[in-house]
Amino acid sequence: MAERRGPRRLGRRPAPGLIAGRTAACALSLAVLGVSGFAWYTTDQLNGVSRSHALDQARKNAPSTSTPPSTSC
């Protein structure tokens, strides 16, 4: 007949700090995944949309920067 032993010991339980750290790392990775997915979705939706050219106009109307500004102390 097989020998019967007492109940199995599963080992020590991880420290509460370790559990909290793993939970925080998991939550952070899910947040990063969600934000990057949302960013990808919104930029994908903007393809083909006519975007503003306000910055191009501002650069065109800006003063020339070919001459460095004079430095006076």
N, C-alpha and C. Protein backbone atom coordinates (compact mmCIF):
# COMPACT_ATOMS: atom_id res chain seq x y z
N MET A 1 0.82 -1.17 0.00
CA MET A 1 0.00 0.00 0.00
C MET A 1 0.88 1.25 0.00
N ALA A 2 0.37 2.30 -0.62
CA ALA A 2 1.14 3.54 -0.71
C ALA A 2 1.19 4.21 0.64
N GLU A 3 2.32 4.79 0.87
CA GLU A 3 2.52 5.47 2.14
C GLU A 3 1.82 6.83 2.12
N ARG A 4 1.05 7.10 3.14
CA ARG A 4 0.33 8.38 3.22
C ARG A 4 1.12 9.37 4.04
N ARG A 5 1.26 10.53 3.48
CA ARG A 5 1.96 11.59 4.20
C ARG A 5 0.95 12.65 4.60
N GLY A 6 1.38 13.58 5.40
CA GLY A 6 0.52 14.67 5.84
C GLY A 6 0.20 15.62 4.70
N PRO A 7 -0.58 16.66 5.00
CA PRO A 7 -0.93 17.62 3.94
C PRO A 7 0.30 18.30 3.35
N ARG A 8 0.23 18.55 2.07
CA ARG A 8 1.36 19.18 1.38
C ARG A 8 1.52 20.62 1.83
N ARG A 9 2.72 21.02 1.93
CA ARG A 9 3.04 22.42 2.20
C ARG A 9 3.34 23.10 0.89
N LEU A 10 2.64 24.19 0.60
CA LEU A 10 2.83 24.87 -0.67
C LEU A 10 4.00 25.83 -0.66
N GLY A 11 4.58 26.11 0.45
CA GLY A 11 5.71 27.03 0.51
C GLY A 11 5.31 28.33 1.17
N ARG A 12 6.27 29.22 1.24
CA ARG A 12 6.00 30.51 1.87
C ARG A 12 5.20 31.40 0.95
N ARG A 13 4.39 32.23 1.55
CA ARG A 13 3.62 33.20 0.79
C ARG A 13 4.52 34.41 0.50
N PRO A 14 4.44 34.96 -0.71
CA PRO A 14 5.28 36.12 -1.04
C PRO A 14 4.97 37.31 -0.13
N ALA A 15 5.96 38.14 0.04
CA ALA A 15 5.81 39.32 0.89
C ALA A 15 4.77 40.26 0.31
N PRO A 16 4.05 41.00 1.15
CA PRO A 16 3.04 41.94 0.65
C PRO A 16 3.61 43.00 -0.28
N GLY A 17 4.85 43.43 0.00
CA GLY A 17 5.50 44.41 -0.88
C GLY A 17 5.73 43.86 -2.28
N LEU A 18 6.08 42.59 -2.35
CA LEU A 18 6.30 41.95 -3.65
C LEU A 18 4.99 41.86 -4.43
N ILE A 19 3.93 41.50 -3.74
CA ILE A 19 2.62 41.43 -4.39
C ILE A 19 2.19 42.82 -4.87
N ALA A 20 2.39 43.83 -4.03
CA ALA A 20 2.02 45.20 -4.41
C ALA A 20 2.87 45.68 -5.59
N GLY A 21 4.16 45.35 -5.59
CA GLY A 21 5.03 45.74 -6.70
C GLY A 21 4.63 45.10 -8.01
N ARG A 22 4.30 43.81 -7.95
CA ARG A 22 3.86 43.13 -9.17
C ARG A 22 2.54 43.68 -9.67
N THR A 23 1.65 44.00 -8.74
CA THR A 23 0.36 44.58 -9.12
C THR A 23 0.55 45.94 -9.77
N ALA A 24 1.44 46.76 -9.19
CA ALA A 24 1.71 48.09 -9.76
C ALA A 24 2.35 47.97 -11.14
N ALA A 25 3.28 47.04 -11.31
CA ALA A 25 3.92 46.85 -12.61
C ALA A 25 2.91 46.39 -13.65
N CYS A 26 2.01 45.52 -13.27
CA CYS A 26 0.98 45.04 -14.18
C CYS A 26 0.03 46.17 -14.57
N ALA A 27 -0.37 46.97 -13.57
CA ALA A 27 -1.27 48.10 -13.85
C ALA A 27 -0.59 49.12 -14.75
N LEU A 28 0.69 49.39 -14.51
CA LEU A 28 1.42 50.35 -15.35
C LEU A 28 1.55 49.85 -16.78
N SER A 29 1.84 48.57 -16.94
CA SER A 29 1.97 48.03 -18.30
C SER A 29 0.63 48.06 -19.03
N LEU A 30 -0.45 47.78 -18.33
CA LEU A 30 -1.77 47.87 -18.96
C LEU A 30 -2.11 49.32 -19.33
N ALA A 31 -1.73 50.27 -18.48
CA ALA A 31 -1.97 51.68 -18.79
C ALA A 31 -1.18 52.12 -20.02
N VAL A 32 0.07 51.71 -20.10
CA VAL A 32 0.91 52.05 -21.27
C VAL A 32 0.32 51.42 -22.53
N LEU A 33 -0.09 50.18 -22.44
CA LEU A 33 -0.70 49.51 -23.59
C LEU A 33 -1.98 50.23 -24.02
N GLY A 34 -2.80 50.63 -23.06
CA GLY A 34 -4.04 51.33 -23.38
C GLY A 34 -3.79 52.68 -24.02
N VAL A 35 -2.85 53.44 -23.47
CA VAL A 35 -2.55 54.77 -24.01
C VAL A 35 -1.95 54.66 -25.41
N SER A 36 -1.04 53.72 -25.60
CA SER A 36 -0.43 53.57 -26.93
C SER A 36 -1.46 53.09 -27.94
N GLY A 37 -2.36 52.22 -27.53
CA GLY A 37 -3.42 51.78 -28.43
C GLY A 37 -4.36 52.92 -28.81
N PHE A 38 -4.69 53.75 -27.81
CA PHE A 38 -5.55 54.90 -28.09
C PHE A 38 -4.85 55.89 -29.03
N ALA A 39 -3.56 56.12 -28.80
CA ALA A 39 -2.80 57.03 -29.68
C ALA A 39 -2.74 56.48 -31.10
N TRP A 40 -2.51 55.18 -31.23
CA TRP A 40 -2.46 54.59 -32.55
C TRP A 40 -3.82 54.71 -33.24
N TYR A 41 -4.88 54.47 -32.50
CA TYR A 41 -6.22 54.55 -33.07
C TYR A 41 -6.53 55.96 -33.54
N THR A 42 -6.21 56.97 -32.71
CA THR A 42 -6.55 58.34 -33.10
C THR A 42 -5.71 58.81 -34.28
N THR A 43 -4.43 58.47 -34.32
CA THR A 43 -3.63 58.89 -35.48
C THR A 43 -4.06 58.13 -36.73
N ASP A 44 -4.49 56.89 -36.56
CA ASP A 44 -4.98 56.14 -37.71
C ASP A 44 -6.27 56.77 -38.24
N GLN A 45 -7.10 57.28 -37.34
CA GLN A 45 -8.34 57.93 -37.75
C GLN A 45 -8.09 59.27 -38.44
N LEU A 46 -6.95 59.91 -38.14
CA LEU A 46 -6.65 61.21 -38.73
C LEU A 46 -6.03 61.12 -40.12
N ASN A 47 -5.68 59.93 -40.57
CA ASN A 47 -5.14 59.79 -41.92
C ASN A 47 -6.20 60.21 -42.93
N GLY A 48 -5.84 61.08 -43.82
CA GLY A 48 -6.77 61.55 -44.82
C GLY A 48 -7.51 62.80 -44.41
N VAL A 49 -7.35 63.25 -43.17
CA VAL A 49 -8.02 64.46 -42.71
C VAL A 49 -7.14 65.65 -43.07
N SER A 50 -7.74 66.69 -43.59
CA SER A 50 -6.99 67.90 -43.92
C SER A 50 -6.59 68.59 -42.62
N ARG A 51 -5.30 68.66 -42.38
CA ARG A 51 -4.80 69.26 -41.15
C ARG A 51 -4.44 70.72 -41.39
N SER A 52 -4.34 71.45 -40.33
CA SER A 52 -4.04 72.88 -40.40
C SER A 52 -2.59 73.11 -40.85
N HIS A 53 -2.40 74.18 -41.58
CA HIS A 53 -1.06 74.58 -42.02
C HIS A 53 -0.64 75.87 -41.33
N ALA A 54 -1.15 76.10 -40.12
CA ALA A 54 -0.86 77.33 -39.40
C ALA A 54 0.62 77.46 -39.08
N LEU A 55 1.26 76.39 -38.70
CA LEU A 55 2.69 76.48 -38.38
C LEU A 55 3.52 76.75 -39.63
N ASP A 56 3.12 76.19 -40.74
CA ASP A 56 3.84 76.48 -41.99
C ASP A 56 3.74 77.96 -42.33
N GLN A 57 2.56 78.54 -42.16
CA GLN A 57 2.38 79.97 -42.43
C GLN A 57 3.19 80.81 -41.45
N ALA A 58 3.24 80.42 -40.20
CA ALA A 58 4.01 81.17 -39.21
C ALA A 58 5.49 81.13 -39.53
N ARG A 59 5.99 79.99 -39.97
CA ARG A 59 7.41 79.90 -40.34
C ARG A 59 7.70 80.74 -41.57
N LYS A 60 6.77 80.77 -42.51
CA LYS A 60 6.98 81.54 -43.73
C LYS A 60 7.01 83.04 -43.44
N ASN A 61 6.19 83.48 -42.51
CA ASN A 61 6.11 84.91 -42.18
C ASN A 61 7.09 85.34 -41.10
N ALA A 62 7.85 84.40 -40.54
CA ALA A 62 8.80 84.73 -39.48
C ALA A 62 10.01 85.46 -40.06
N PRO A 63 10.66 86.29 -39.24
CA PRO A 63 11.87 86.98 -39.73
C PRO A 63 12.98 85.97 -40.02
N SER A 64 13.83 86.33 -40.93
CA SER A 64 14.93 85.46 -41.34
C SER A 64 15.92 85.31 -40.19
N THR A 65 16.47 84.10 -40.04
CA THR A 65 17.45 83.85 -38.99
C THR A 65 18.84 83.61 -39.57
N SER A 66 19.10 84.09 -40.79
CA SER A 66 20.39 83.87 -41.41
C SER A 66 21.48 84.69 -40.72
N THR A 67 21.17 85.86 -40.18
CA THR A 67 22.14 86.68 -39.46
C THR A 67 21.99 86.43 -37.97
N PRO A 68 23.07 86.03 -37.31
CA PRO A 68 22.94 85.78 -35.87
C PRO A 68 22.67 87.08 -35.12
N PRO A 69 21.88 87.04 -34.08
CA PRO A 69 21.60 88.26 -33.33
C PRO A 69 22.84 88.77 -32.61
N SER A 70 22.93 90.08 -32.48
CA SER A 70 24.11 90.65 -31.82
C SER A 70 24.00 90.43 -30.32
N THR A 71 25.16 90.17 -29.73
CA THR A 71 25.17 89.97 -28.27
C THR A 71 25.78 91.19 -27.62
N SER A 72 25.05 91.80 -26.74
CA SER A 72 25.58 92.96 -26.02
C SER A 72 25.46 92.69 -24.53
N CYS A 73 26.52 93.04 -23.83
CA CYS A 73 26.55 92.79 -22.39
C CYS A 73 26.25 94.03 -21.59
